[in-house]
Amino acid sequence: MAPLTDRDLVRLYWPVDLRPAFDALFAIDDALGEVVASSTQPALGAIRLAWWHDALERLDSSAPPPEPRLQAAATELLTRGVSGASLARIAEGWAALFDEVRDAEAIAARGEALFAAGARLLGSNDAQVTEAGRYFALADVARRGLAPPLAVAIRPLRIARPLRPLTAFARLAVRDLRHGEPFEPEATPARAMALLAHRWTGRV
C-alpha cells in the first residue's frame, strides 16, 4: 500500500460532490509538474509545457484531445465555470522554473492561478486566497526538489470557512516555509493536526 500523502489528508476536507473536480484540477497541475521534473533540457521542457498551455486554452473553444487529464478537465472543471484559459495560467507558473534566473514572483503565480480555480469550484473568493496559493507554490516546488527554498515574507492570513478545504494546502506550505529543509515527511500526525487547526480557525 502506498504511503499516505498530504493530499490524501486534504482530500478528506473536500466536499464529496467536488472531489472529482478537485482531482481533475490537481491532475492537471501534476501533469505540468511532471513535465518540469522529467525535462533534462529546459528548451525541450518549455516546448512540452507550451503544448499543455495551448491545449488547455483550446478547451474553451473545442473538444479535448484524447488525453485523459484534459478530458477530465473538460468534464469536471469547465462545466463548473473554470475556463481553459485560467488553467493555462497554471502552466505559465510552471514554465518559470525553466528560466535561467528563478523569479519567485513568477513561480508563485502558479499557486495564484491554481487556488483561483479551486476557489471557483467552491463558489467563493477572498483576496487572501491567491496569497495562500503563492505560499503553496513556493513550498511545493521546494518539496518536489525542483527549486531551492525561496525566501518569502509570510503574512498571517485568516481564511473564510468555505475556502478552507482548498487553503488547507497553504497551511502545510507555511509550515514548510518556516521550518525549511529537511522537510518533515508528509501526512504525519503533526501535519494532520495542522490541517485540523486550519479547519477550525482558518489561520494559515
C-alpha atoms as a PDB file:
ATOM      1  CA  MET A   1       0.000   0.000   0.000  1.00  0.00           C
ATOM      2  CA  ALA A   2       1.303   3.432  -0.935  1.00  0.00           C
ATOM      3  CA  PRO A   3       2.096   5.723   1.990  1.00  0.00           C
ATOM      4  CA  LEU A   4      -0.342   8.497   2.805  1.00  0.00           C
ATOM      5  CA  THR A   5       0.382  11.908   1.333  1.00  0.00           C
ATOM      6  CA  ASP A   6      -0.589  15.408   2.385  1.00  0.00           C
ATOM      7  CA  ARG A   7      -3.084  15.443  -0.469  1.00  0.00           C
ATOM      8  CA  ASP A   8      -4.765  12.327   0.914  1.00  0.00           C
ATOM      9  CA  LEU A   9      -5.337  14.240   4.148  1.00  0.00           C
ATOM     10  CA  VAL A  10      -6.521  17.431   2.461  1.00  0.00           C
ATOM     11  CA  ARG A  11      -8.829  15.465   0.168  1.00  0.00           C
ATOM     12  CA  LEU A  12     -10.870  14.435   3.196  1.00  0.00           C
ATOM     13  CA  TYR A  13     -11.883  18.084   3.595  1.00  0.00           C
ATOM     14  CA  TRP A  14     -13.073  18.499   0.010  1.00  0.00           C
ATOM     15  CA  PRO A  15     -16.867  18.409  -0.411  1.00  0.00           C
ATOM     16  CA  VAL A  16     -17.714  14.914  -1.616  1.00  0.00           C
ATOM     17  CA  ASP A  17     -19.516  16.155  -4.712  1.00  0.00           C
ATOM     18  CA  LEU A  18     -16.495  18.282  -5.684  1.00  0.00           C
ATOM     19  CA  ARG A  19     -13.799  15.664  -5.177  1.00  0.00           C
ATOM     20  CA  PRO A  20     -13.782  14.601  -8.850  1.00  0.00           C
ATOM     21  CA  ALA A  21     -13.397  18.252  -9.861  1.00  0.00           C
ATOM     22  CA  PHE A  22     -10.542  18.864  -7.439  1.00  0.00           C
ATOM     23  CA  ASP A  23      -8.940  15.606  -8.549  1.00  0.00           C
ATOM     24  CA  ALA A  24      -9.120  16.849 -12.143  1.00  0.00           C
ATOM     25  CA  LEU A  25      -7.655  20.226 -11.187  1.00  0.00           C
ATOM     26  CA  PHE A  26      -4.693  18.778  -9.338  1.00  0.00           C
ATOM     27  CA  ALA A  27      -4.179  16.130 -12.027  1.00  0.00           C
ATOM     28  CA  ILE A  28      -3.577  18.977 -14.483  1.00  0.00           C
ATOM     29  CA  ASP A  29      -1.169  20.607 -12.040  1.00  0.00           C
ATOM     30  CA  ASP A  30       0.628  17.289 -11.546  1.00  0.00           C
ATOM     31  CA  ALA A  31       0.903  16.737 -15.300  1.00  0.00           C
ATOM     32  CA  LEU A  32       2.588  20.105 -15.677  1.00  0.00           C
ATOM     33  CA  GLY A  33       4.887  19.381 -12.758  1.00  0.00           C
ATOM     34  CA  GLU A  34       5.844  16.051 -14.319  1.00  0.00           C
ATOM     35  CA  VAL A  35       6.922  17.877 -17.462  1.00  0.00           C
ATOM     36  CA  VAL A  36       9.293  20.038 -15.431  1.00  0.00           C
ATOM     37  CA  ALA A  37      10.604  17.148 -13.347  1.00  0.00           C
ATOM     38  CA  SER A  38      11.275  14.907 -16.353  1.00  0.00           C
ATOM     39  CA  SER A  39      12.849  17.527 -18.618  1.00  0.00           C
ATOM     40  CA  THR A  40      16.641  17.387 -18.763  1.00  0.00           C
ATOM     41  CA  GLN A  41      16.801  20.177 -21.359  1.00  0.00           C
ATOM     42  CA  PRO A  42      14.946  23.368 -20.437  1.00  0.00           C
ATOM     43  CA  ALA A  43      14.251  24.279 -24.055  1.00  0.00           C
ATOM     44  CA  LEU A  44      12.530  20.974 -24.765  1.00  0.00           C
ATOM     45  CA  GLY A  45      10.684  21.151 -21.458  1.00  0.00           C
ATOM     46  CA  ALA A  46       9.410  24.601 -22.358  1.00  0.00           C
ATOM     47  CA  ILE A  47       8.090  23.230 -25.663  1.00  0.00           C
ATOM     48  CA  ARG A  48       6.240  20.447 -23.867  1.00  0.00           C
ATOM     49  CA  LEU A  49       4.738  22.917 -21.427  1.00  0.00           C
ATOM     50  CA  ALA A  50       3.705  25.140 -24.322  1.00  0.00           C
ATOM     51  CA  TRP A  51       1.759  22.187 -25.765  1.00  0.00           C
ATOM     52  CA  TRP A  52      -0.131  21.811 -22.482  1.00  0.00           C
ATOM     53  CA  HIS A  53      -0.705  25.553 -22.260  1.00  0.00           C
ATOM     54  CA  ASP A  54      -2.210  25.682 -25.745  1.00  0.00           C
ATOM     55  CA  ALA A  55      -4.242  22.505 -25.192  1.00  0.00           C
ATOM     56  CA  LEU A  56      -5.736  23.951 -22.017  1.00  0.00           C
ATOM     57  CA  GLU A  57      -6.625  27.222 -23.731  1.00  0.00           C
ATOM     58  CA  ARG A  58      -8.296  25.324 -26.581  1.00  0.00           C
ATOM     59  CA  LEU A  59     -10.650  23.637 -24.133  1.00  0.00           C
ATOM     60  CA  ASP A  60     -12.661  26.863 -24.209  1.00  0.00           C
ATOM     61  CA  SER A  61     -13.376  26.525 -27.914  1.00  0.00           C
ATOM     62  CA  SER A  62     -13.093  22.870 -28.910  1.00  0.00           C
ATOM     63  CA  ALA A  63     -13.440  19.320 -27.654  1.00  0.00           C
ATOM     64  CA  PRO A  64     -10.484  17.965 -25.676  1.00  0.00           C
ATOM     65  CA  PRO A  65      -7.947  15.688 -27.357  1.00  0.00           C
ATOM     66  CA  PRO A  66      -7.757  12.022 -26.296  1.00  0.00           C
ATOM     67  CA  GLU A  67      -5.708  12.830 -23.206  1.00  0.00           C
ATOM     68  CA  PRO A  68      -7.438  11.624 -20.001  1.00  0.00           C
ATOM     69  CA  ARG A  69      -6.456  14.594 -17.842  1.00  0.00           C
ATOM     70  CA  LEU A  70      -7.607  17.110 -20.424  1.00  0.00           C
ATOM     71  CA  GLN A  71     -10.850  15.196 -20.874  1.00  0.00           C
ATOM     72  CA  ALA A  72     -11.411  15.181 -17.116  1.00  0.00           C
ATOM     73  CA  ALA A  73     -10.736  18.910 -17.028  1.00  0.00           C
ATOM     74  CA  ALA A  74     -13.368  19.490 -19.705  1.00  0.00           C
ATOM     75  CA  THR A  75     -15.905  17.313 -17.904  1.00  0.00           C
ATOM     76  CA  GLU A  76     -15.306  18.350 -14.305  1.00  0.00           C
ATOM     77  CA  LEU A  77     -13.891  21.880 -14.462  1.00  0.00           C
ATOM     78  CA  LEU A  78     -15.272  23.686 -17.487  1.00  0.00           C
ATOM     79  CA  THR A  79     -18.784  22.641 -16.519  1.00  0.00           C
ATOM     80  CA  ARG A  80     -18.229  24.353 -13.153  1.00  0.00           C
ATOM     81  CA  GLY A  81     -17.035  27.650 -14.555  1.00  0.00           C
ATOM     82  CA  VAL A  82     -13.276  27.072 -14.563  1.00  0.00           C
ATOM     83  CA  SER A  83     -12.067  28.140 -18.001  1.00  0.00           C
ATOM     84  CA  GLY A  84      -9.316  26.564 -20.022  1.00  0.00           C
ATOM     85  CA  ALA A  85      -7.592  29.948 -20.137  1.00  0.00           C
ATOM     86  CA  SER A  86      -7.463  30.070 -16.339  1.00  0.00           C
ATOM     87  CA  LEU A  87      -5.948  26.575 -16.271  1.00  0.00           C
ATOM     88  CA  ALA A  88      -3.359  27.631 -18.853  1.00  0.00           C
ATOM     89  CA  ARG A  89      -2.099  30.223 -16.383  1.00  0.00           C
ATOM     90  CA  ILE A  90      -1.024  27.366 -14.125  1.00  0.00           C
ATOM     91  CA  ALA A  91       1.272  26.213 -16.925  1.00  0.00           C
ATOM     92  CA  GLU A  92       2.796  29.691 -17.134  1.00  0.00           C
ATOM     93  CA  GLY A  93       3.804  29.466 -13.487  1.00  0.00           C
ATOM     94  CA  TRP A  94       5.460  26.091 -14.041  1.00  0.00           C
ATOM     95  CA  ALA A  95       7.305  27.471 -17.077  1.00  0.00           C
ATOM     96  CA  ALA A  96       9.080  29.965 -14.805  1.00  0.00           C
ATOM     97  CA  LEU A  97      11.138  27.053 -13.472  1.00  0.00           C
ATOM     98  CA  PHE A  98      12.870  26.823 -16.855  1.00  0.00           C
ATOM     99  CA  ASP A  99      14.158  30.405 -16.655  1.00  0.00           C
ATOM    100  CA  GLU A 100      17.885  30.823 -16.080  1.00  0.00           C
ATOM    101  CA  VAL A 101      17.176  33.213 -13.217  1.00  0.00           C
ATOM    102  CA  ARG A 102      14.444  31.908 -10.946  1.00  0.00           C
ATOM    103  CA  ASP A 103      11.825  34.574 -10.293  1.00  0.00           C
ATOM    104  CA  ALA A 104       9.913  33.833  -7.091  1.00  0.00           C
ATOM    105  CA  GLU A 105       7.035  36.040  -8.229  1.00  0.00           C
ATOM    106  CA  ALA A 106       6.601  34.101 -11.466  1.00  0.00           C
ATOM    107  CA  ILE A 107       6.841  30.742  -9.701  1.00  0.00           C
ATOM    108  CA  ALA A 108       4.326  31.856  -7.094  1.00  0.00           C
ATOM    109  CA  ALA A 109       1.899  32.891  -9.856  1.00  0.00           C
ATOM    110  CA  ARG A 110       1.214  29.208 -10.476  1.00  0.00           C
ATOM    111  CA  GLY A 111      -0.259  28.957  -6.974  1.00  0.00           C
ATOM    112  CA  GLU A 112      -2.376  32.051  -7.543  1.00  0.00           C
ATOM    113  CA  ALA A 113      -3.888  30.527 -10.680  1.00  0.00           C
ATOM    114  CA  LEU A 114      -4.355  27.111  -9.080  1.00  0.00           C
ATOM    115  CA  PHE A 115      -6.078  28.496  -5.994  1.00  0.00           C
ATOM    116  CA  ALA A 116      -8.221  30.864  -8.050  1.00  0.00           C
ATOM    117  CA  ALA A 117      -9.547  27.852  -9.950  1.00  0.00           C
ATOM    118  CA  GLY A 118     -10.126  25.967  -6.702  1.00  0.00           C
ATOM    119  CA  ALA A 119     -11.963  28.924  -5.205  1.00  0.00           C
ATOM    120  CA  ARG A 120     -14.201  28.986  -8.270  1.00  0.00           C
ATOM    121  CA  LEU A 121     -15.106  25.364  -7.620  1.00  0.00           C
ATOM    122  CA  LEU A 122     -16.012  26.209  -4.038  1.00  0.00           C
ATOM    123  CA  GLY A 123     -18.180  29.100  -5.191  1.00  0.00           C
ATOM    124  CA  SER A 124     -16.397  31.626  -3.022  1.00  0.00           C
ATOM    125  CA  ASN A 125     -13.491  34.015  -3.178  1.00  0.00           C
ATOM    126  CA  ASP A 126     -11.285  36.093  -0.938  1.00  0.00           C
ATOM    127  CA  ALA A 127      -8.316  38.297  -1.719  1.00  0.00           C
ATOM    128  CA  GLN A 128      -6.251  36.203   0.694  1.00  0.00           C
ATOM    129  CA  VAL A 129      -6.772  33.026  -1.326  1.00  0.00           C
ATOM    130  CA  THR A 130      -4.316  33.970  -4.038  1.00  0.00           C
ATOM    131  CA  GLU A 131      -1.727  34.873  -1.406  1.00  0.00           C
ATOM    132  CA  ALA A 132      -2.258  31.479   0.179  1.00  0.00           C
ATOM    133  CA  GLY A 133      -1.725  29.967  -3.253  1.00  0.00           C
ATOM    134  CA  ARG A 134       1.612  31.725  -3.536  1.00  0.00           C
ATOM    135  CA  TYR A 135       2.837  30.101  -0.344  1.00  0.00           C
ATOM    136  CA  PHE A 136       1.690  26.726  -1.622  1.00  0.00           C
ATOM    137  CA  ALA A 137       3.526  27.058  -4.942  1.00  0.00           C
ATOM    138  CA  LEU A 138       6.813  28.154  -3.387  1.00  0.00           C
ATOM    139  CA  ALA A 139       6.809  25.381  -0.810  1.00  0.00           C
ATOM    140  CA  ASP A 140       5.622  22.744  -3.288  1.00  0.00           C
ATOM    141  CA  VAL A 141       8.416  23.214  -5.823  1.00  0.00           C
ATOM    142  CA  ALA A 142      10.951  23.044  -2.988  1.00  0.00           C
ATOM    143  CA  ARG A 143       9.408  19.831  -1.623  1.00  0.00           C
ATOM    144  CA  ARG A 144       9.472  18.339  -5.122  1.00  0.00           C
ATOM    145  CA  GLY A 145      13.173  19.209  -5.401  1.00  0.00           C
ATOM    146  CA  LEU A 146      12.564  21.401  -8.441  1.00  0.00           C
ATOM    147  CA  ALA A 147      13.862  24.609  -6.872  1.00  0.00           C
ATOM    148  CA  PRO A 148      15.705  25.546  -3.709  1.00  0.00           C
ATOM    149  CA  PRO A 149      13.637  27.088  -0.953  1.00  0.00           C
ATOM    150  CA  LEU A 150      12.970  30.679  -1.951  1.00  0.00           C
ATOM    151  CA  ALA A 151      12.799  33.464   0.602  1.00  0.00           C
ATOM    152  CA  VAL A 152       9.288  34.759   1.129  1.00  0.00           C
ATOM    153  CA  ALA A 153       7.740  37.090   3.658  1.00  0.00           C
ATOM    154  CA  ILE A 154       4.883  35.215   5.303  1.00  0.00           C
ATOM    155  CA  ARG A 155       1.920  37.328   6.310  1.00  0.00           C
ATOM    156  CA  PRO A 156      -0.660  35.879   8.718  1.00  0.00           C
ATOM    157  CA  LEU A 157      -3.882  35.040   6.898  1.00  0.00           C
ATOM    158  CA  ARG A 158      -7.297  34.045   8.145  1.00  0.00           C
ATOM    159  CA  ILE A 159      -9.408  32.320   5.519  1.00  0.00           C
ATOM    160  CA  ALA A 160     -13.191  32.216   5.367  1.00  0.00           C
ATOM    161  CA  ARG A 161     -14.679  28.800   6.163  1.00  0.00           C
ATOM    162  CA  PRO A 162     -15.953  27.965   2.636  1.00  0.00           C
ATOM    163  CA  LEU A 163     -12.426  28.203   1.246  1.00  0.00           C
ATOM    164  CA  ARG A 164     -10.611  26.185   3.889  1.00  0.00           C
ATOM    165  CA  PRO A 165     -10.848  22.863   2.012  1.00  0.00           C
ATOM    166  CA  LEU A 166      -8.502  24.479  -0.517  1.00  0.00           C
ATOM    167  CA  THR A 167      -6.295  26.651   1.680  1.00  0.00           C
ATOM    168  CA  ALA A 168      -5.503  23.698   3.911  1.00  0.00           C
ATOM    169  CA  PHE A 169      -2.651  23.154   1.453  1.00  0.00           C
ATOM    170  CA  ALA A 170      -1.337  26.616   2.270  1.00  0.00           C
ATOM    171  CA  ARG A 171      -1.345  25.842   5.994  1.00  0.00           C
ATOM    172  CA  LEU A 172       1.076  22.994   5.365  1.00  0.00           C
ATOM    173  CA  ALA A 173       3.075  25.120   2.943  1.00  0.00           C
ATOM    174  CA  VAL A 174       3.633  27.825   5.536  1.00  0.00           C
ATOM    175  CA  ARG A 175       4.776  25.144   7.948  1.00  0.00           C
ATOM    176  CA  ASP A 176       7.342  24.016   5.364  1.00  0.00           C
ATOM    177  CA  LEU A 177       8.476  27.534   4.508  1.00  0.00           C
ATOM    178  CA  ARG A 178       9.069  28.314   8.162  1.00  0.00           C
ATOM    179  CA  HIS A 179      10.825  25.057   9.031  1.00  0.00           C
ATOM    180  CA  GLY A 180      12.845  24.778   5.827  1.00  0.00           C
ATOM    181  CA  GLU A 181      14.940  21.803   4.847  1.00  0.00           C
ATOM    182  CA  PRO A 182      14.991  18.994   5.630  1.00  0.00           C
ATOM    183  CA  PHE A 183      11.226  18.948   5.177  1.00  0.00           C
ATOM    184  CA  GLU A 184       9.203  16.830   7.537  1.00  0.00           C
ATOM    185  CA  PRO A 185       7.577  13.754   5.972  1.00  0.00           C
ATOM    186  CA  GLU A 186       4.114  14.100   4.512  1.00  0.00           C
ATOM    187  CA  ALA A 187       0.921  13.087   6.316  1.00  0.00           C
ATOM    188  CA  THR A 188       2.449  12.977   9.789  1.00  0.00           C
ATOM    189  CA  PRO A 189       0.180  13.327  12.833  1.00  0.00           C
ATOM    190  CA  ALA A 190       1.578  16.838  13.323  1.00  0.00           C
ATOM    191  CA  ARG A 191       0.582  17.800   9.794  1.00  0.00           C
ATOM    192  CA  ALA A 192      -2.847  16.273  10.267  1.00  0.00           C
ATOM    193  CA  MET A 193      -3.281  18.378  13.407  1.00  0.00           C
ATOM    194  CA  ALA A 194      -2.201  21.492  11.498  1.00  0.00           C
ATOM    195  CA  LEU A 195      -4.937  20.784   8.960  1.00  0.00           C
ATOM    196  CA  LEU A 196      -7.496  20.336  11.691  1.00  0.00           C
ATOM    197  CA  ALA A 197      -6.463  23.614  13.311  1.00  0.00           C
ATOM    198  CA  HIS A 198      -6.837  25.349   9.955  1.00  0.00           C
ATOM    199  CA  ARG A 199     -10.312  23.908   9.568  1.00  0.00           C
ATOM    200  CA  TRP A 200     -11.316  25.310  12.966  1.00  0.00           C
ATOM    201  CA  THR A 201      -9.633  28.708  12.804  1.00  0.00           C
ATOM    202  CA  GLY A 202      -8.859  29.468   9.175  1.00  0.00           C
ATOM    203  CA  ARG A 203      -5.370  30.600  10.113  1.00  0.00           C
ATOM    204  CA  VAL A 204      -2.597  29.991   7.611  1.00  0.00           C
END
